[in-house]
């Protein structure tokens, strides 16, 4: 699978849901799955599998970090309070949800500008295709990109998580 090593990605600041500055190093574990999420998307049921991964691997140092995104057909229109409530009540989300971001274009969050440089399994980098695009960051800063249709519990994702966490 094509990959890009960029140790900087774990150090790029972003805003948390409560408006504080943070980095993946601060809120994530050694293995972090960054996902642009939305509550009114056909792929929204992926929240369930994201939470299952969080619960299965959190004790070993894995973290999902969700970044709400309203850039795709207005699929995340709510306030941060509404988004957090939806995630907790509907999906039982226990992983961190950051502030809303843009993932494409000139006004994209700096973290996403860096993540977009990572190629997917077909070697294609560039724009985020849709909500629920996944970027798995391993302890050495390597970014593995998975397109939105790849489910969170896909064997390619799970095997990378397991290979990069302590036993």
N, C-alpha and C. Protein backbone atom coordinates (compact mmCIF):
# COMPACT_ATOMS: atom_id res chain seq x y z
N UNK A 1 0.84 -1.18 0.00
CA UNK A 1 0.00 0.00 0.00
C UNK A 1 0.88 1.24 0.00
N UNK A 2 0.63 2.21 -0.87
CA UNK A 2 1.42 3.44 -0.87
C UNK A 2 1.24 4.19 0.44
N UNK A 3 2.29 4.82 0.88
CA UNK A 3 2.23 5.56 2.13
C UNK A 3 3.21 6.72 2.05
N UNK A 4 3.04 7.65 2.96
CA UNK A 4 3.95 8.78 3.01
C UNK A 4 4.35 8.98 4.46
N UNK A 5 5.63 9.21 4.69
CA UNK A 5 6.07 9.47 6.04
C UNK A 5 6.13 10.97 6.25
N UNK A 6 5.43 11.43 7.24
CA UNK A 6 5.40 12.84 7.54
C UNK A 6 5.26 13.01 9.05
N UNK A 7 6.37 13.05 9.74
CA UNK A 7 6.31 13.15 11.19
C UNK A 7 5.66 14.45 11.64
N UNK A 8 5.59 15.44 10.76
CA UNK A 8 4.99 16.72 11.11
C UNK A 8 3.49 16.63 11.39
N UNK A 9 2.79 15.69 10.77
CA UNK A 9 1.33 15.66 10.87
C UNK A 9 0.87 15.54 12.33
N UNK A 10 1.62 14.86 13.16
CA UNK A 10 1.23 14.69 14.56
C UNK A 10 1.42 15.97 15.37
N UNK A 11 2.12 16.94 14.79
CA UNK A 11 2.42 18.20 15.49
C UNK A 11 1.59 19.39 14.99
N UNK A 12 0.76 19.19 13.98
CA UNK A 12 -0.01 20.29 13.40
C UNK A 12 -1.19 20.62 14.31
N UNK A 13 -1.28 21.86 14.77
CA UNK A 13 -2.38 22.23 15.67
C UNK A 13 -3.73 22.30 14.97
N UNK A 14 -4.75 21.98 15.74
CA UNK A 14 -6.15 22.11 15.32
C UNK A 14 -6.95 22.51 16.54
N UNK A 15 -8.22 22.84 16.33
CA UNK A 15 -9.06 23.22 17.45
C UNK A 15 -9.91 22.05 17.91
N UNK A 16 -9.98 21.87 19.22
CA UNK A 16 -10.85 20.85 19.79
C UNK A 16 -12.28 21.37 19.77
N UNK A 17 -13.23 20.53 20.14
CA UNK A 17 -14.64 20.93 20.16
C UNK A 17 -14.89 22.10 21.10
N UNK A 18 -14.06 22.23 22.14
CA UNK A 18 -14.25 23.34 23.09
C UNK A 18 -13.38 24.55 22.76
N UNK A 19 -12.79 24.55 21.55
CA UNK A 19 -12.05 25.72 21.09
C UNK A 19 -10.60 25.80 21.51
N UNK A 20 -10.10 24.78 22.18
CA UNK A 20 -8.69 24.77 22.60
C UNK A 20 -7.80 24.27 21.46
N UNK A 21 -6.56 24.72 21.44
CA UNK A 21 -5.60 24.22 20.47
C UNK A 21 -5.05 22.89 20.94
N UNK A 22 -4.87 21.95 20.02
CA UNK A 22 -4.34 20.62 20.34
C UNK A 22 -3.64 20.07 19.11
N UNK A 23 -2.90 18.98 19.29
CA UNK A 23 -2.29 18.25 18.19
C UNK A 23 -2.68 16.79 18.32
N UNK A 24 -2.44 16.02 17.26
CA UNK A 24 -2.72 14.59 17.35
C UNK A 24 -1.87 13.93 18.43
N UNK A 25 -0.64 14.40 18.61
CA UNK A 25 0.20 13.87 19.69
C UNK A 25 -0.46 14.05 21.05
N UNK A 26 -1.19 15.15 21.22
CA UNK A 26 -1.81 15.45 22.51
C UNK A 26 -3.12 14.72 22.73
N UNK A 27 -3.94 14.57 21.70
CA UNK A 27 -5.25 13.94 21.89
C UNK A 27 -5.31 12.51 21.39
N UNK A 28 -4.40 12.14 20.52
CA UNK A 28 -4.39 10.79 19.97
C UNK A 28 -3.45 9.89 20.72
N UNK A 29 -3.47 8.63 20.32
CA UNK A 29 -2.51 7.68 20.86
C UNK A 29 -1.37 7.53 19.88
N UNK A 30 -0.48 6.58 20.13
CA UNK A 30 0.60 6.32 19.18
C UNK A 30 0.05 5.95 17.79
N UNK A 31 -1.13 5.34 17.77
CA UNK A 31 -1.80 5.02 16.51
C UNK A 31 -3.13 5.78 16.54
N UNK A 32 -3.32 6.66 15.56
CA UNK A 32 -4.50 7.53 15.54
C UNK A 32 -5.19 7.43 14.19
N UNK A 33 -6.51 7.28 14.22
CA UNK A 33 -7.31 7.26 13.00
C UNK A 33 -8.06 8.58 12.91
N UNK A 34 -7.68 9.41 11.95
CA UNK A 34 -8.30 10.71 11.73
C UNK A 34 -9.40 10.53 10.68
N UNK A 35 -10.62 10.99 11.00
CA UNK A 35 -11.76 10.79 10.11
C UNK A 35 -12.59 12.07 10.05
N UNK A 36 -12.91 12.53 8.83
CA UNK A 36 -13.87 13.64 8.72
C UNK A 36 -15.27 13.03 8.75
N UNK A 37 -16.04 13.46 9.73
CA UNK A 37 -17.33 12.84 10.02
C UNK A 37 -18.49 13.79 9.73
N UNK A 38 -19.69 13.23 9.60
CA UNK A 38 -20.90 14.02 9.38
C UNK A 38 -22.11 13.22 9.86
N UNK A 39 -23.10 13.92 10.40
CA UNK A 39 -24.24 13.24 10.99
C UNK A 39 -25.39 12.99 10.01
N UNK A 40 -25.35 13.60 8.84
CA UNK A 40 -26.44 13.44 7.88
C UNK A 40 -25.92 12.90 6.54
N UNK A 41 -25.05 11.91 6.62
CA UNK A 41 -24.40 11.34 5.45
C UNK A 41 -24.81 9.87 5.34
N UNK A 42 -24.86 9.36 4.13
CA UNK A 42 -25.16 7.94 3.96
C UNK A 42 -24.14 7.04 4.62
N UNK A 43 -22.94 7.57 4.89
CA UNK A 43 -21.89 6.78 5.53
C UNK A 43 -21.85 6.95 7.05
N UNK A 44 -22.78 7.74 7.59
CA UNK A 44 -22.81 8.02 9.03
C UNK A 44 -22.82 6.74 9.89
N UNK A 45 -23.44 5.65 9.47
CA UNK A 45 -23.38 4.43 10.29
C UNK A 45 -21.95 3.93 10.57
N UNK A 46 -20.96 4.47 9.85
CA UNK A 46 -19.57 4.09 10.16
C UNK A 46 -19.17 4.52 11.57
N UNK A 47 -19.91 5.46 12.16
CA UNK A 47 -19.65 5.84 13.55
C UNK A 47 -19.62 4.60 14.45
N UNK A 48 -20.53 3.66 14.19
CA UNK A 48 -20.61 2.46 15.03
C UNK A 48 -19.30 1.67 14.98
N UNK A 49 -18.75 1.45 13.80
CA UNK A 49 -17.50 0.71 13.69
C UNK A 49 -16.32 1.52 14.21
N UNK A 50 -16.35 2.84 14.03
CA UNK A 50 -15.28 3.68 14.61
C UNK A 50 -15.26 3.53 16.12
N UNK A 51 -16.43 3.55 16.73
CA UNK A 51 -16.51 3.40 18.18
C UNK A 51 -16.08 1.99 18.61
N UNK A 52 -16.42 0.98 17.83
CA UNK A 52 -15.98 -0.38 18.14
C UNK A 52 -14.45 -0.47 18.12
N UNK A 53 -13.81 0.16 17.14
CA UNK A 53 -12.35 0.18 17.09
C UNK A 53 -11.79 0.90 18.32
N UNK A 54 -12.39 2.04 18.64
CA UNK A 54 -11.93 2.81 19.80
C UNK A 54 -11.97 1.95 21.06
N UNK A 55 -13.08 1.28 21.27
CA UNK A 55 -13.23 0.46 22.48
C UNK A 55 -12.29 -0.76 22.47
N UNK A 56 -12.09 -1.34 21.31
CA UNK A 56 -11.25 -2.54 21.21
C UNK A 56 -9.77 -2.25 21.42
N UNK A 57 -9.31 -1.08 21.00
CA UNK A 57 -7.86 -0.83 20.99
C UNK A 57 -7.39 0.34 21.85
N UNK A 58 -8.29 1.06 22.49
CA UNK A 58 -7.90 2.25 23.26
C UNK A 58 -6.88 1.93 24.34
N UNK A 59 -7.07 0.84 25.04
CA UNK A 59 -6.16 0.50 26.14
C UNK A 59 -4.74 0.22 25.65
N UNK A 60 -4.60 -0.10 24.37
CA UNK A 60 -3.27 -0.38 23.81
C UNK A 60 -2.65 0.85 23.14
N UNK A 61 -3.37 1.99 23.14
CA UNK A 61 -2.79 3.21 22.61
C UNK A 61 -3.37 3.69 21.30
N UNK A 62 -4.56 3.24 20.95
CA UNK A 62 -5.21 3.66 19.71
C UNK A 62 -6.28 4.69 20.01
N UNK A 63 -6.42 5.68 19.13
CA UNK A 63 -7.46 6.69 19.27
C UNK A 63 -8.03 7.05 17.90
N UNK A 64 -9.34 7.15 17.84
CA UNK A 64 -10.03 7.75 16.70
C UNK A 64 -10.19 9.22 17.04
N UNK A 65 -9.97 10.10 16.08
CA UNK A 65 -10.28 11.52 16.26
C UNK A 65 -11.18 11.94 15.11
N UNK A 66 -12.40 12.37 15.46
CA UNK A 66 -13.37 12.78 14.45
C UNK A 66 -13.32 14.28 14.22
N UNK A 67 -13.37 14.66 12.95
CA UNK A 67 -13.40 16.07 12.56
C UNK A 67 -14.68 16.32 11.79
N UNK A 68 -15.71 16.90 12.43
CA UNK A 68 -16.95 17.19 11.72
C UNK A 68 -16.68 18.09 10.51
N UNK A 69 -17.37 17.78 9.41
CA UNK A 69 -17.16 18.52 8.17
C UNK A 69 -18.50 18.75 7.48
N UNK A 70 -18.78 20.01 7.17
CA UNK A 70 -20.03 20.37 6.50
C UNK A 70 -19.76 20.73 5.04
N UNK A 71 -18.65 20.31 4.50
CA UNK A 71 -18.23 20.72 3.17
C UNK A 71 -18.89 19.90 2.05
N UNK A 72 -19.48 18.78 2.38
CA UNK A 72 -20.07 17.91 1.37
C UNK A 72 -21.59 17.95 1.47
N UNK A 73 -22.20 18.79 0.67
CA UNK A 73 -23.66 18.89 0.58
C UNK A 73 -24.33 19.18 1.93
N UNK A 74 -23.67 19.92 2.79
CA UNK A 74 -24.29 20.34 4.06
C UNK A 74 -24.66 19.20 4.98
N UNK A 75 -23.83 18.16 5.04
CA UNK A 75 -24.18 16.97 5.81
C UNK A 75 -23.82 17.06 7.29
N UNK A 76 -23.25 18.19 7.72
CA UNK A 76 -22.97 18.41 9.15
C UNK A 76 -23.32 19.85 9.50
N UNK A 77 -24.63 20.18 9.48
CA UNK A 77 -25.06 21.57 9.63
C UNK A 77 -25.15 22.06 11.07
N UNK A 78 -25.14 21.19 12.04
CA UNK A 78 -25.41 21.57 13.42
C UNK A 78 -24.28 22.33 14.10
N UNK A 79 -24.61 22.85 15.28
CA UNK A 79 -23.61 23.49 16.14
C UNK A 79 -22.74 22.40 16.75
N UNK A 80 -21.62 22.80 17.34
CA UNK A 80 -20.76 21.79 17.98
C UNK A 80 -21.52 21.08 19.10
N UNK A 81 -22.33 21.81 19.86
CA UNK A 81 -23.12 21.18 20.93
C UNK A 81 -24.06 20.12 20.36
N UNK A 82 -24.72 20.44 19.24
CA UNK A 82 -25.62 19.47 18.60
C UNK A 82 -24.85 18.26 18.07
N UNK A 83 -23.69 18.51 17.48
CA UNK A 83 -22.87 17.42 16.95
C UNK A 83 -22.42 16.49 18.07
N UNK A 84 -21.90 17.05 19.15
CA UNK A 84 -21.42 16.23 20.27
C UNK A 84 -22.56 15.44 20.89
N UNK A 85 -23.72 16.07 21.03
CA UNK A 85 -24.88 15.38 21.58
C UNK A 85 -25.30 14.24 20.67
N UNK A 86 -25.37 14.49 19.36
CA UNK A 86 -25.73 13.46 18.40
C UNK A 86 -24.78 12.27 18.48
N UNK A 87 -23.48 12.56 18.50
CA UNK A 87 -22.48 11.48 18.54
C UNK A 87 -22.62 10.64 19.80
N UNK A 88 -22.82 11.30 20.93
CA UNK A 88 -22.92 10.58 22.21
C UNK A 88 -24.21 9.78 22.31
N UNK A 89 -25.34 10.42 21.98
CA UNK A 89 -26.64 9.78 22.17
C UNK A 89 -26.91 8.71 21.11
N UNK A 90 -26.63 9.02 19.87
CA UNK A 90 -26.97 8.10 18.78
C UNK A 90 -25.97 6.96 18.63
N UNK A 91 -24.67 7.25 18.80
CA UNK A 91 -23.64 6.26 18.51
C UNK A 91 -22.79 5.89 19.72
N UNK A 92 -22.99 6.52 20.86
CA UNK A 92 -22.20 6.21 22.05
C UNK A 92 -20.72 6.55 21.88
N UNK A 93 -20.43 7.57 21.09
CA UNK A 93 -19.05 7.92 20.78
C UNK A 93 -18.28 8.33 22.03
N UNK A 94 -17.15 7.69 22.24
CA UNK A 94 -16.28 8.02 23.37
C UNK A 94 -14.95 8.63 22.90
N UNK A 95 -14.72 8.61 21.59
CA UNK A 95 -13.46 9.16 21.08
C UNK A 95 -13.58 10.67 20.90
N UNK A 96 -12.45 11.38 20.84
CA UNK A 96 -12.49 12.84 20.72
C UNK A 96 -13.10 13.29 19.39
N UNK A 97 -13.94 14.31 19.50
CA UNK A 97 -14.48 15.00 18.33
C UNK A 97 -13.91 16.41 18.36
N UNK A 98 -13.25 16.81 17.29
CA UNK A 98 -12.65 18.13 17.20
C UNK A 98 -13.68 19.13 16.68
N UNK A 99 -13.23 20.38 16.52
CA UNK A 99 -14.09 21.41 15.96
C UNK A 99 -14.32 21.14 14.48
N UNK A 100 -15.41 21.70 13.94
CA UNK A 100 -15.70 21.56 12.51
C UNK A 100 -14.54 22.08 11.68
N UNK A 101 -14.28 21.40 10.57
CA UNK A 101 -13.19 21.80 9.67
C UNK A 101 -13.65 21.76 8.22
N UNK A 102 -12.89 22.45 7.40
CA UNK A 102 -12.95 22.27 5.96
C UNK A 102 -11.78 21.34 5.64
N UNK A 103 -12.01 20.39 4.75
CA UNK A 103 -10.96 19.42 4.42
C UNK A 103 -10.37 19.63 3.04
N UNK A 104 -11.04 20.43 2.22
CA UNK A 104 -10.58 20.73 0.86
C UNK A 104 -10.55 22.24 0.65
N UNK A 105 -9.81 22.66 -0.36
CA UNK A 105 -9.79 24.06 -0.74
C UNK A 105 -8.77 24.87 0.04
N UNK A 106 -8.70 26.14 -0.31
CA UNK A 106 -7.71 27.05 0.28
C UNK A 106 -7.94 27.26 1.78
N UNK A 107 -9.19 27.13 2.24
CA UNK A 107 -9.49 27.35 3.65
C UNK A 107 -9.52 26.05 4.46
N UNK A 108 -8.99 24.99 3.90
CA UNK A 108 -8.93 23.70 4.61
C UNK A 108 -8.06 23.83 5.85
N UNK A 109 -8.38 23.06 6.86
CA UNK A 109 -7.58 23.00 8.08
C UNK A 109 -6.16 22.57 7.71
N UNK A 110 -5.17 23.14 8.39
CA UNK A 110 -3.77 22.81 8.11
C UNK A 110 -3.50 21.32 8.22
N UNK A 111 -4.12 20.66 9.20
CA UNK A 111 -3.94 19.21 9.35
C UNK A 111 -4.39 18.49 8.08
N UNK A 112 -5.54 18.89 7.56
CA UNK A 112 -6.05 18.23 6.35
C UNK A 112 -5.23 18.59 5.11
N UNK A 113 -4.67 19.78 5.06
CA UNK A 113 -3.79 20.10 3.94
C UNK A 113 -2.61 19.12 3.91
N UNK A 114 -2.08 18.80 5.08
CA UNK A 114 -0.97 17.85 5.17
C UNK A 114 -1.44 16.42 4.89
N UNK A 115 -2.58 16.02 5.45
CA UNK A 115 -3.09 14.66 5.25
C UNK A 115 -3.39 14.39 3.78
N UNK A 116 -3.88 15.40 3.06
CA UNK A 116 -4.23 15.21 1.65
C UNK A 116 -3.03 14.87 0.78
N UNK A 117 -1.83 15.12 1.26
CA UNK A 117 -0.62 14.77 0.51
C UNK A 117 -0.36 13.27 0.51
N UNK A 118 -1.04 12.54 1.39
CA UNK A 118 -0.85 11.09 1.50
C UNK A 118 -1.64 10.37 0.41
N UNK A 119 -1.02 9.42 -0.27
CA UNK A 119 -1.74 8.67 -1.30
C UNK A 119 -2.58 7.54 -0.70
N UNK A 120 -3.60 7.14 -1.44
CA UNK A 120 -4.41 5.98 -1.05
C UNK A 120 -3.78 4.71 -1.61
N UNK A 121 -4.47 3.60 -1.54
CA UNK A 121 -3.94 2.31 -2.00
C UNK A 121 -3.65 2.30 -3.50
N UNK A 122 -4.31 3.17 -4.26
CA UNK A 122 -4.06 3.24 -5.70
C UNK A 122 -3.00 4.29 -6.04
N UNK A 123 -2.39 4.88 -5.01
CA UNK A 123 -1.34 5.87 -5.23
C UNK A 123 -1.84 7.27 -5.49
N UNK A 124 -3.14 7.52 -5.26
CA UNK A 124 -3.72 8.84 -5.52
C UNK A 124 -3.79 9.66 -4.24
N UNK A 125 -3.17 10.83 -4.27
CA UNK A 125 -3.26 11.80 -3.17
C UNK A 125 -4.26 12.87 -3.60
N UNK A 126 -4.32 13.95 -2.87
CA UNK A 126 -5.17 15.07 -3.26
C UNK A 126 -6.43 15.17 -2.44
N UNK A 127 -7.45 15.78 -3.04
CA UNK A 127 -8.69 16.11 -2.35
C UNK A 127 -9.30 14.94 -1.59
N UNK A 128 -9.92 15.28 -0.47
CA UNK A 128 -10.73 14.32 0.27
C UNK A 128 -11.99 14.11 -0.57
N UNK A 129 -12.36 12.85 -0.82
CA UNK A 129 -13.48 12.56 -1.72
C UNK A 129 -14.84 12.85 -1.10
N UNK A 130 -14.99 12.55 0.19
CA UNK A 130 -16.31 12.65 0.83
C UNK A 130 -16.10 12.52 2.33
N UNK A 131 -17.20 12.58 3.06
CA UNK A 131 -17.12 12.35 4.50
C UNK A 131 -16.69 10.91 4.78
N UNK A 132 -16.08 10.72 5.92
CA UNK A 132 -15.60 9.43 6.41
C UNK A 132 -14.39 8.91 5.64
N UNK A 133 -13.59 9.82 5.08
CA UNK A 133 -12.27 9.44 4.57
C UNK A 133 -11.39 9.26 5.81
N UNK A 134 -10.55 8.23 5.78
CA UNK A 134 -9.77 7.85 6.97
C UNK A 134 -8.28 7.97 6.71
N UNK A 135 -7.57 8.47 7.73
CA UNK A 135 -6.12 8.60 7.68
C UNK A 135 -5.57 7.96 8.95
N UNK A 136 -4.91 6.83 8.81
CA UNK A 136 -4.33 6.14 9.96
C UNK A 136 -2.88 6.59 10.11
N UNK A 137 -2.58 7.21 11.24
CA UNK A 137 -1.24 7.71 11.52
C UNK A 137 -0.58 6.76 12.50
N UNK A 138 0.56 6.19 12.10
CA UNK A 138 1.27 5.22 12.93
C UNK A 138 2.33 5.94 13.77
N UNK A 139 2.93 5.25 14.75
CA UNK A 139 3.86 5.91 15.67
C UNK A 139 5.03 6.64 15.02
N UNK A 140 5.46 6.19 13.85
CA UNK A 140 6.58 6.87 13.19
C UNK A 140 6.12 8.04 12.32
N UNK A 141 4.82 8.35 12.35
CA UNK A 141 4.29 9.47 11.59
C UNK A 141 3.84 9.10 10.19
N UNK A 142 3.92 7.83 9.83
CA UNK A 142 3.46 7.40 8.51
C UNK A 142 1.94 7.51 8.44
N UNK A 143 1.44 8.04 7.33
CA UNK A 143 0.00 8.21 7.12
C UNK A 143 -0.47 7.22 6.07
N UNK A 144 -1.48 6.44 6.42
CA UNK A 144 -2.10 5.47 5.51
C UNK A 144 -3.51 5.99 5.23
N UNK A 145 -3.84 6.14 3.97
CA UNK A 145 -5.11 6.76 3.57
C UNK A 145 -6.10 5.72 3.08
N UNK A 146 -7.34 5.85 3.57
CA UNK A 146 -8.42 4.96 3.16
C UNK A 146 -9.62 5.80 2.75
N UNK A 147 -10.14 5.54 1.59
CA UNK A 147 -11.24 6.32 1.05
C UNK A 147 -12.54 6.06 1.82
N UNK A 148 -13.55 6.93 1.67
CA UNK A 148 -14.76 6.87 2.48
C UNK A 148 -15.49 5.52 2.47
N UNK A 149 -15.51 4.84 1.34
CA UNK A 149 -16.25 3.58 1.25
C UNK A 149 -15.56 2.44 1.99
N UNK A 150 -14.29 2.60 2.34
CA UNK A 150 -13.59 1.58 3.13
C UNK A 150 -14.12 1.64 4.55
N UNK A 151 -14.70 0.55 5.01
CA UNK A 151 -15.28 0.53 6.35
C UNK A 151 -14.18 0.57 7.41
N UNK A 152 -14.47 1.16 8.56
CA UNK A 152 -13.46 1.23 9.62
C UNK A 152 -12.92 -0.13 10.07
N UNK A 153 -13.73 -1.18 9.98
CA UNK A 153 -13.27 -2.50 10.40
C UNK A 153 -12.71 -3.33 9.25
N UNK A 154 -12.38 -2.67 8.14
CA UNK A 154 -11.77 -3.35 7.00
C UNK A 154 -10.47 -4.01 7.47
N UNK A 155 -10.18 -5.22 7.01
CA UNK A 155 -8.96 -5.91 7.44
C UNK A 155 -7.68 -5.10 7.20
N UNK A 156 -7.64 -4.29 6.16
CA UNK A 156 -6.43 -3.48 5.90
C UNK A 156 -6.21 -2.47 7.03
N UNK A 157 -7.29 -1.88 7.55
CA UNK A 157 -7.17 -0.92 8.65
C UNK A 157 -6.85 -1.65 9.94
N UNK A 158 -7.60 -2.70 10.24
CA UNK A 158 -7.41 -3.43 11.50
C UNK A 158 -6.00 -4.01 11.58
N UNK A 159 -5.51 -4.57 10.48
CA UNK A 159 -4.16 -5.16 10.52
C UNK A 159 -3.09 -4.11 10.77
N UNK A 160 -3.26 -2.90 10.20
CA UNK A 160 -2.31 -1.82 10.47
C UNK A 160 -2.37 -1.36 11.93
N UNK A 161 -3.58 -1.27 12.47
CA UNK A 161 -3.71 -0.90 13.88
C UNK A 161 -2.98 -1.92 14.74
N UNK A 162 -3.29 -3.19 14.54
CA UNK A 162 -2.70 -4.25 15.36
C UNK A 162 -1.19 -4.33 15.20
N UNK A 163 -0.69 -4.13 13.98
CA UNK A 163 0.75 -4.22 13.74
C UNK A 163 1.53 -3.08 14.39
N UNK A 164 0.85 -1.98 14.70
CA UNK A 164 1.54 -0.82 15.23
C UNK A 164 1.28 -0.54 16.71
N UNK A 165 0.52 -1.41 17.34
CA UNK A 165 0.27 -1.27 18.79
C UNK A 165 1.04 -2.33 19.55
N UNK A 166 1.41 -2.02 20.79
CA UNK A 166 2.06 -3.05 21.62
C UNK A 166 1.07 -4.17 21.92
N UNK A 167 1.59 -5.37 22.10
CA UNK A 167 0.77 -6.55 22.37
C UNK A 167 0.01 -6.42 23.62
